[in-house]
Amino acid sequence: MKTLTKELWMEVPERRAIVSIHNDVEKLVAESGVTDGLVLVNAMHITASVFINDNESGLHADYERWLEKLVPFNAGTDPNDGGYLHNRTGEDNADAHHKRQIMGREVVVAITDGQLHLGP
């Protein structure tokens, strides 16, 4: 059985950003030599997500608006006013934990004939 484990490190200077790693994953699949199997891509940081969808700026903006509406960043720390108890710890990222939960931590993609099998 062929396997390959690699870590991709990145710095994201913004509080939140959508970064495509599609090309990186394609290169790693090729490097692995796996022709038919699975690739697991998971975010190793507790507030980072991995998801598959169109790499289109309008969709990304829609995600940003939707997530911020569902889980606003600046909700404060008073739970009676919809605030986050987690932010009482001195951190200000409770919203990021919730947003990651919504967007997901990992994806599994089939590899067919040495290529990511993402469909049409």
N, C-alpha and C. Protein backbone atom coordinates (compact mmCIF):
# COMPACT_ATOMS: atom_id res chain seq x y z
N MET A 1 0.85 -1.17 0.00
CA MET A 1 0.00 0.00 0.00
C MET A 1 0.89 1.24 0.00
N LYS A 2 0.64 2.14 -0.93
CA LYS A 2 1.40 3.38 -1.00
C LYS A 2 0.73 4.43 -0.13
N THR A 3 1.55 5.17 0.60
CA THR A 3 1.03 6.26 1.41
C THR A 3 2.01 7.43 1.33
N LEU A 4 1.50 8.60 1.66
CA LEU A 4 2.32 9.80 1.74
C LEU A 4 1.66 10.72 2.75
N THR A 5 2.44 11.22 3.68
CA THR A 5 1.93 12.20 4.64
C THR A 5 2.77 13.45 4.51
N LYS A 6 2.12 14.58 4.27
CA LYS A 6 2.80 15.87 4.14
C LYS A 6 1.97 16.92 4.88
N GLU A 7 2.66 17.91 5.38
CA GLU A 7 1.99 19.06 6.01
C GLU A 7 2.19 20.28 5.13
N LEU A 8 1.13 21.02 4.93
CA LEU A 8 1.20 22.30 4.23
C LEU A 8 1.07 23.39 5.29
N TRP A 9 2.05 24.23 5.38
CA TRP A 9 2.03 25.33 6.35
C TRP A 9 1.76 26.63 5.59
N MET A 10 0.95 27.48 6.17
CA MET A 10 0.68 28.77 5.55
C MET A 10 0.42 29.81 6.62
N GLU A 11 0.71 31.02 6.27
CA GLU A 11 0.39 32.15 7.14
C GLU A 11 -0.73 32.93 6.48
N VAL A 12 -1.77 33.18 7.24
CA VAL A 12 -2.91 33.94 6.74
C VAL A 12 -2.98 35.21 7.58
N PRO A 13 -2.57 36.34 7.02
CA PRO A 13 -2.50 37.57 7.82
C PRO A 13 -3.88 38.12 8.20
N GLU A 14 -4.90 37.76 7.45
CA GLU A 14 -6.25 38.23 7.78
C GLU A 14 -6.84 37.37 8.89
N ARG A 15 -7.86 37.88 9.50
CA ARG A 15 -8.54 37.12 10.54
C ARG A 15 -9.14 35.83 9.97
N ARG A 16 -9.65 35.93 8.75
CA ARG A 16 -10.24 34.77 8.09
C ARG A 16 -10.03 34.94 6.59
N ALA A 17 -9.70 33.86 5.92
CA ALA A 17 -9.52 33.91 4.48
C ALA A 17 -9.79 32.52 3.90
N ILE A 18 -10.16 32.49 2.65
CA ILE A 18 -10.32 31.24 1.93
C ILE A 18 -9.11 31.11 1.02
N VAL A 19 -8.36 30.04 1.21
CA VAL A 19 -7.12 29.81 0.48
C VAL A 19 -7.26 28.48 -0.27
N SER A 20 -7.09 28.51 -1.57
CA SER A 20 -7.17 27.28 -2.35
C SER A 20 -5.87 26.49 -2.21
N ILE A 21 -6.00 25.22 -1.85
CA ILE A 21 -4.85 24.32 -1.80
C ILE A 21 -4.99 23.22 -2.85
N HIS A 22 -5.88 23.41 -3.78
CA HIS A 22 -6.17 22.41 -4.81
C HIS A 22 -4.89 21.98 -5.55
N ASN A 23 -4.13 22.94 -6.05
CA ASN A 23 -2.91 22.60 -6.80
C ASN A 23 -1.90 21.86 -5.93
N ASP A 24 -1.78 22.27 -4.67
CA ASP A 24 -0.87 21.60 -3.75
C ASP A 24 -1.27 20.13 -3.56
N VAL A 25 -2.56 19.90 -3.38
CA VAL A 25 -3.04 18.53 -3.16
C VAL A 25 -2.84 17.70 -4.43
N GLU A 26 -3.10 18.29 -5.60
CA GLU A 26 -2.86 17.57 -6.85
C GLU A 26 -1.40 17.14 -6.98
N LYS A 27 -0.48 18.06 -6.65
CA LYS A 27 0.95 17.74 -6.73
C LYS A 27 1.33 16.63 -5.76
N LEU A 28 0.77 16.67 -4.57
CA LEU A 28 1.07 15.63 -3.58
C LEU A 28 0.51 14.27 -3.98
N VAL A 29 -0.66 14.27 -4.60
CA VAL A 29 -1.22 13.01 -5.10
C VAL A 29 -0.29 12.43 -6.16
N ALA A 30 0.18 13.28 -7.06
CA ALA A 30 1.11 12.81 -8.09
C ALA A 30 2.40 12.29 -7.44
N GLU A 31 2.91 13.03 -6.47
CA GLU A 31 4.14 12.61 -5.77
C GLU A 31 3.97 11.28 -5.04
N SER A 32 2.78 11.03 -4.56
CA SER A 32 2.53 9.81 -3.78
C SER A 32 2.63 8.55 -4.63
N GLY A 33 2.36 8.66 -5.92
CA GLY A 33 2.34 7.48 -6.77
C GLY A 33 1.08 6.66 -6.64
N VAL A 34 0.13 7.10 -5.84
CA VAL A 34 -1.14 6.39 -5.69
C VAL A 34 -1.95 6.61 -6.97
N THR A 35 -2.37 5.52 -7.59
CA THR A 35 -3.18 5.66 -8.81
C THR A 35 -4.67 5.49 -8.53
N ASP A 36 -5.00 4.65 -7.57
CA ASP A 36 -6.40 4.46 -7.17
C ASP A 36 -6.43 4.32 -5.66
N GLY A 37 -7.18 5.20 -5.03
CA GLY A 37 -7.24 5.18 -3.56
C GLY A 37 -7.97 6.40 -3.05
N LEU A 38 -7.51 6.89 -1.92
CA LEU A 38 -8.15 8.02 -1.26
C LEU A 38 -7.11 9.01 -0.78
N VAL A 39 -7.49 10.27 -0.75
CA VAL A 39 -6.66 11.30 -0.13
C VAL A 39 -7.49 11.93 0.99
N LEU A 40 -6.89 12.03 2.15
CA LEU A 40 -7.50 12.70 3.29
C LEU A 40 -6.80 14.04 3.46
N VAL A 41 -7.58 15.11 3.45
CA VAL A 41 -7.04 16.45 3.69
C VAL A 41 -7.75 16.97 4.92
N ASN A 42 -6.98 17.23 5.96
CA ASN A 42 -7.62 17.76 7.17
C ASN A 42 -6.83 18.93 7.72
N ALA A 43 -7.57 19.83 8.33
CA ALA A 43 -6.97 21.02 8.93
C ALA A 43 -6.52 20.68 10.33
N MET A 44 -5.25 20.93 10.61
CA MET A 44 -4.69 20.56 11.90
C MET A 44 -4.84 21.67 12.95
N HIS A 45 -5.38 22.80 12.56
CA HIS A 45 -5.63 23.87 13.53
C HIS A 45 -7.11 23.87 13.88
N ILE A 46 -7.41 24.07 15.12
CA ILE A 46 -8.78 23.92 15.62
C ILE A 46 -9.76 24.94 15.04
N THR A 47 -9.26 26.04 14.48
CA THR A 47 -10.17 27.01 13.87
C THR A 47 -10.03 27.08 12.36
N ALA A 48 -9.37 26.10 11.75
CA ALA A 48 -9.22 26.06 10.30
C ALA A 48 -10.16 25.01 9.71
N SER A 49 -10.59 25.23 8.50
CA SER A 49 -11.51 24.33 7.82
C SER A 49 -10.94 23.86 6.50
N VAL A 50 -11.47 22.75 6.04
CA VAL A 50 -11.20 22.25 4.69
C VAL A 50 -12.55 21.93 4.08
N PHE A 51 -12.78 22.42 2.87
CA PHE A 51 -14.02 22.11 2.19
C PHE A 51 -13.77 22.08 0.69
N ILE A 52 -14.69 21.46 -0.03
CA ILE A 52 -14.61 21.39 -1.49
C ILE A 52 -15.81 22.15 -2.05
N ASN A 53 -15.51 23.06 -2.95
CA ASN A 53 -16.56 23.77 -3.67
C ASN A 53 -15.91 24.54 -4.80
N ASP A 54 -16.69 25.30 -5.55
CA ASP A 54 -16.13 26.11 -6.63
C ASP A 54 -15.15 27.13 -6.07
N ASN A 55 -14.04 27.33 -6.76
CA ASN A 55 -13.07 28.36 -6.39
C ASN A 55 -13.46 29.63 -7.12
N GLU A 56 -14.51 30.26 -6.63
CA GLU A 56 -15.11 31.42 -7.31
C GLU A 56 -15.33 32.53 -6.28
N SER A 57 -14.86 33.72 -6.59
CA SER A 57 -14.86 34.82 -5.61
C SER A 57 -16.24 35.18 -5.10
N GLY A 58 -17.26 35.11 -5.95
CA GLY A 58 -18.61 35.42 -5.49
C GLY A 58 -19.10 34.43 -4.46
N LEU A 59 -18.81 33.15 -4.68
CA LEU A 59 -19.19 32.13 -3.71
C LEU A 59 -18.43 32.33 -2.40
N HIS A 60 -17.16 32.65 -2.50
CA HIS A 60 -16.37 32.91 -1.29
C HIS A 60 -16.97 34.08 -0.50
N ALA A 61 -17.34 35.14 -1.19
CA ALA A 61 -17.96 36.29 -0.53
C ALA A 61 -19.29 35.89 0.10
N ASP A 62 -20.04 35.05 -0.59
CA ASP A 62 -21.31 34.56 -0.03
C ASP A 62 -21.07 33.78 1.26
N TYR A 63 -20.05 32.91 1.24
CA TYR A 63 -19.70 32.18 2.46
C TYR A 63 -19.36 33.14 3.60
N GLU A 64 -18.54 34.13 3.32
CA GLU A 64 -18.15 35.10 4.34
C GLU A 64 -19.38 35.77 4.96
N ARG A 65 -20.28 36.24 4.11
CA ARG A 65 -21.49 36.91 4.62
C ARG A 65 -22.37 35.96 5.41
N TRP A 66 -22.55 34.75 4.88
CA TRP A 66 -23.41 33.76 5.52
C TRP A 66 -22.86 33.36 6.89
N LEU A 67 -21.55 33.08 6.95
CA LEU A 67 -20.95 32.70 8.22
C LEU A 67 -21.01 33.82 9.24
N GLU A 68 -20.75 35.04 8.79
CA GLU A 68 -20.78 36.17 9.72
C GLU A 68 -22.20 36.42 10.23
N LYS A 69 -23.20 36.18 9.40
CA LYS A 69 -24.58 36.33 9.84
C LYS A 69 -24.94 35.25 10.86
N LEU A 70 -24.50 34.02 10.61
CA LEU A 70 -24.79 32.92 11.53
C LEU A 70 -24.06 33.06 12.86
N VAL A 71 -22.78 33.44 12.77
CA VAL A 71 -21.91 33.47 13.95
C VAL A 71 -21.08 34.75 13.89
N PRO A 72 -21.64 35.88 14.32
CA PRO A 72 -20.91 37.14 14.21
C PRO A 72 -19.65 37.17 15.09
N PHE A 73 -18.62 37.81 14.56
CA PHE A 73 -17.36 37.93 15.29
C PHE A 73 -17.55 38.69 16.59
N ASN A 74 -18.15 39.84 16.54
CA ASN A 74 -18.18 40.76 17.67
C ASN A 74 -19.48 40.61 18.47
N ALA A 75 -19.69 39.42 19.03
CA ALA A 75 -20.91 39.18 19.80
C ALA A 75 -20.71 39.45 21.29
N GLY A 76 -19.50 39.81 21.70
CA GLY A 76 -19.24 40.09 23.10
C GLY A 76 -19.09 38.84 23.93
N THR A 77 -19.13 39.01 25.25
CA THR A 77 -18.94 37.87 26.15
C THR A 77 -20.14 37.62 27.06
N ASP A 78 -21.16 38.45 26.97
CA ASP A 78 -22.34 38.27 27.82
C ASP A 78 -23.30 37.29 27.15
N PRO A 79 -23.44 36.07 27.71
CA PRO A 79 -24.32 35.08 27.07
C PRO A 79 -25.78 35.53 27.04
N ASN A 80 -26.16 36.42 27.92
CA ASN A 80 -27.53 36.93 27.93
C ASN A 80 -27.79 37.83 26.72
N ASP A 81 -26.73 38.34 26.13
CA ASP A 81 -26.85 39.18 24.93
C ASP A 81 -26.37 38.44 23.69
N GLY A 82 -26.29 37.12 23.75
CA GLY A 82 -25.82 36.33 22.61
C GLY A 82 -24.31 36.25 22.51
N GLY A 83 -23.61 36.65 23.56
CA GLY A 83 -22.15 36.63 23.54
C GLY A 83 -21.58 35.25 23.76
N TYR A 84 -20.27 35.15 23.62
CA TYR A 84 -19.57 33.87 23.69
C TYR A 84 -18.86 33.70 25.02
N LEU A 85 -19.16 32.62 25.71
CA LEU A 85 -18.47 32.31 26.96
C LEU A 85 -16.99 32.03 26.71
N HIS A 86 -16.67 31.43 25.58
CA HIS A 86 -15.27 31.13 25.26
C HIS A 86 -14.41 32.39 25.27
N ASN A 87 -14.97 33.49 24.85
CA ASN A 87 -14.18 34.73 24.80
C ASN A 87 -13.85 35.27 26.18
N ARG A 88 -14.45 34.72 27.20
CA ARG A 88 -14.10 35.13 28.57
C ARG A 88 -12.73 34.59 28.98
N THR A 89 -12.18 33.68 28.20
CA THR A 89 -10.87 33.09 28.51
C THR A 89 -9.73 34.02 28.13
N GLY A 90 -10.06 35.15 27.53
CA GLY A 90 -9.03 36.06 27.06
C GLY A 90 -8.83 35.98 25.56
N GLU A 91 -9.39 34.96 24.94
CA GLU A 91 -9.34 34.85 23.48
C GLU A 91 -10.52 35.59 22.88
N ASP A 92 -10.43 35.85 21.58
CA ASP A 92 -11.54 36.53 20.91
C ASP A 92 -11.97 35.75 19.66
N ASN A 93 -11.81 34.42 19.71
CA ASN A 93 -12.05 33.64 18.51
C ASN A 93 -13.17 32.60 18.63
N ALA A 94 -14.09 32.82 19.54
CA ALA A 94 -15.19 31.86 19.69
C ALA A 94 -15.93 31.67 18.37
N ASP A 95 -16.12 32.77 17.65
CA ASP A 95 -16.82 32.67 16.37
C ASP A 95 -16.08 31.76 15.40
N ALA A 96 -14.75 31.81 15.42
CA ALA A 96 -13.95 30.99 14.51
C ALA A 96 -14.15 29.50 14.79
N HIS A 97 -14.27 29.14 16.05
CA HIS A 97 -14.52 27.74 16.40
C HIS A 97 -15.86 27.27 15.83
N HIS A 98 -16.87 28.10 15.95
CA HIS A 98 -18.20 27.76 15.43
C HIS A 98 -18.19 27.70 13.90
N LYS A 99 -17.53 28.66 13.27
CA LYS A 99 -17.47 28.68 11.81
C LYS A 99 -16.75 27.46 11.27
N ARG A 100 -15.70 27.03 11.94
CA ARG A 100 -14.99 25.82 11.54
C ARG A 100 -15.90 24.61 11.66
N GLN A 101 -16.69 24.57 12.71
CA GLN A 101 -17.62 23.45 12.89
C GLN A 101 -18.60 23.38 11.74
N ILE A 102 -19.05 24.52 11.27
CA ILE A 102 -20.00 24.58 10.15
C ILE A 102 -19.34 24.16 8.84
N MET A 103 -18.13 24.66 8.59
CA MET A 103 -17.45 24.43 7.31
C MET A 103 -16.76 23.07 7.24
N GLY A 104 -16.45 22.49 8.36
CA GLY A 104 -15.87 21.15 8.35
C GLY A 104 -14.37 21.15 8.58
N ARG A 105 -13.88 20.02 9.06
CA ARG A 105 -12.47 19.88 9.43
C ARG A 105 -11.67 19.13 8.39
N GLU A 106 -12.34 18.28 7.58
CA GLU A 106 -11.59 17.43 6.66
C GLU A 106 -12.45 17.05 5.47
N VAL A 107 -11.76 16.60 4.42
CA VAL A 107 -12.43 16.03 3.26
C VAL A 107 -11.66 14.78 2.83
N VAL A 108 -12.38 13.86 2.27
CA VAL A 108 -11.79 12.66 1.68
C VAL A 108 -12.19 12.66 0.21
N VAL A 109 -11.20 12.51 -0.66
CA VAL A 109 -11.45 12.55 -2.10
C VAL A 109 -10.88 11.28 -2.72
N ALA A 110 -11.63 10.70 -3.65
CA ALA A 110 -11.14 9.54 -4.37
C ALA A 110 -10.02 9.95 -5.32
N ILE A 111 -9.07 9.05 -5.49
CA ILE A 111 -8.03 9.18 -6.50
C ILE A 111 -8.31 8.10 -7.53
N THR A 112 -8.48 8.50 -8.78
CA THR A 112 -8.75 7.57 -9.86
C THR A 112 -7.76 7.86 -10.98
N ASP A 113 -7.06 6.84 -11.41
CA ASP A 113 -6.04 7.00 -12.46
C ASP A 113 -5.04 8.09 -12.09
N GLY A 114 -4.69 8.18 -10.82
CA GLY A 114 -3.68 9.13 -10.36
C GLY A 114 -4.15 10.57 -10.25
N GLN A 115 -5.46 10.80 -10.42
CA GLN A 115 -6.00 12.16 -10.38
C GLN A 115 -7.08 12.27 -9.31
N LEU A 116 -7.23 13.48 -8.75
CA LEU A 116 -8.36 13.72 -7.85
C LEU A 116 -9.65 13.51 -8.62
N HIS A 117 -10.54 12.76 -8.04
CA HIS A 117 -11.83 12.46 -8.71
C HIS A 117 -12.90 13.33 -8.09
N LEU A 118 -12.99 14.56 -8.59
CA LEU A 118 -13.89 15.55 -8.02
C LEU A 118 -15.24 15.64 -8.74
N GLY A 119 -15.37 14.92 -9.83
CA GLY A 119 -16.63 14.95 -10.56
C GLY A 119 -16.65 16.07 -11.59
N PRO A 120 -17.81 16.24 -12.24
CA PRO A 120 -17.91 17.24 -13.32
C PRO A 120 -17.90 18.66 -12.78
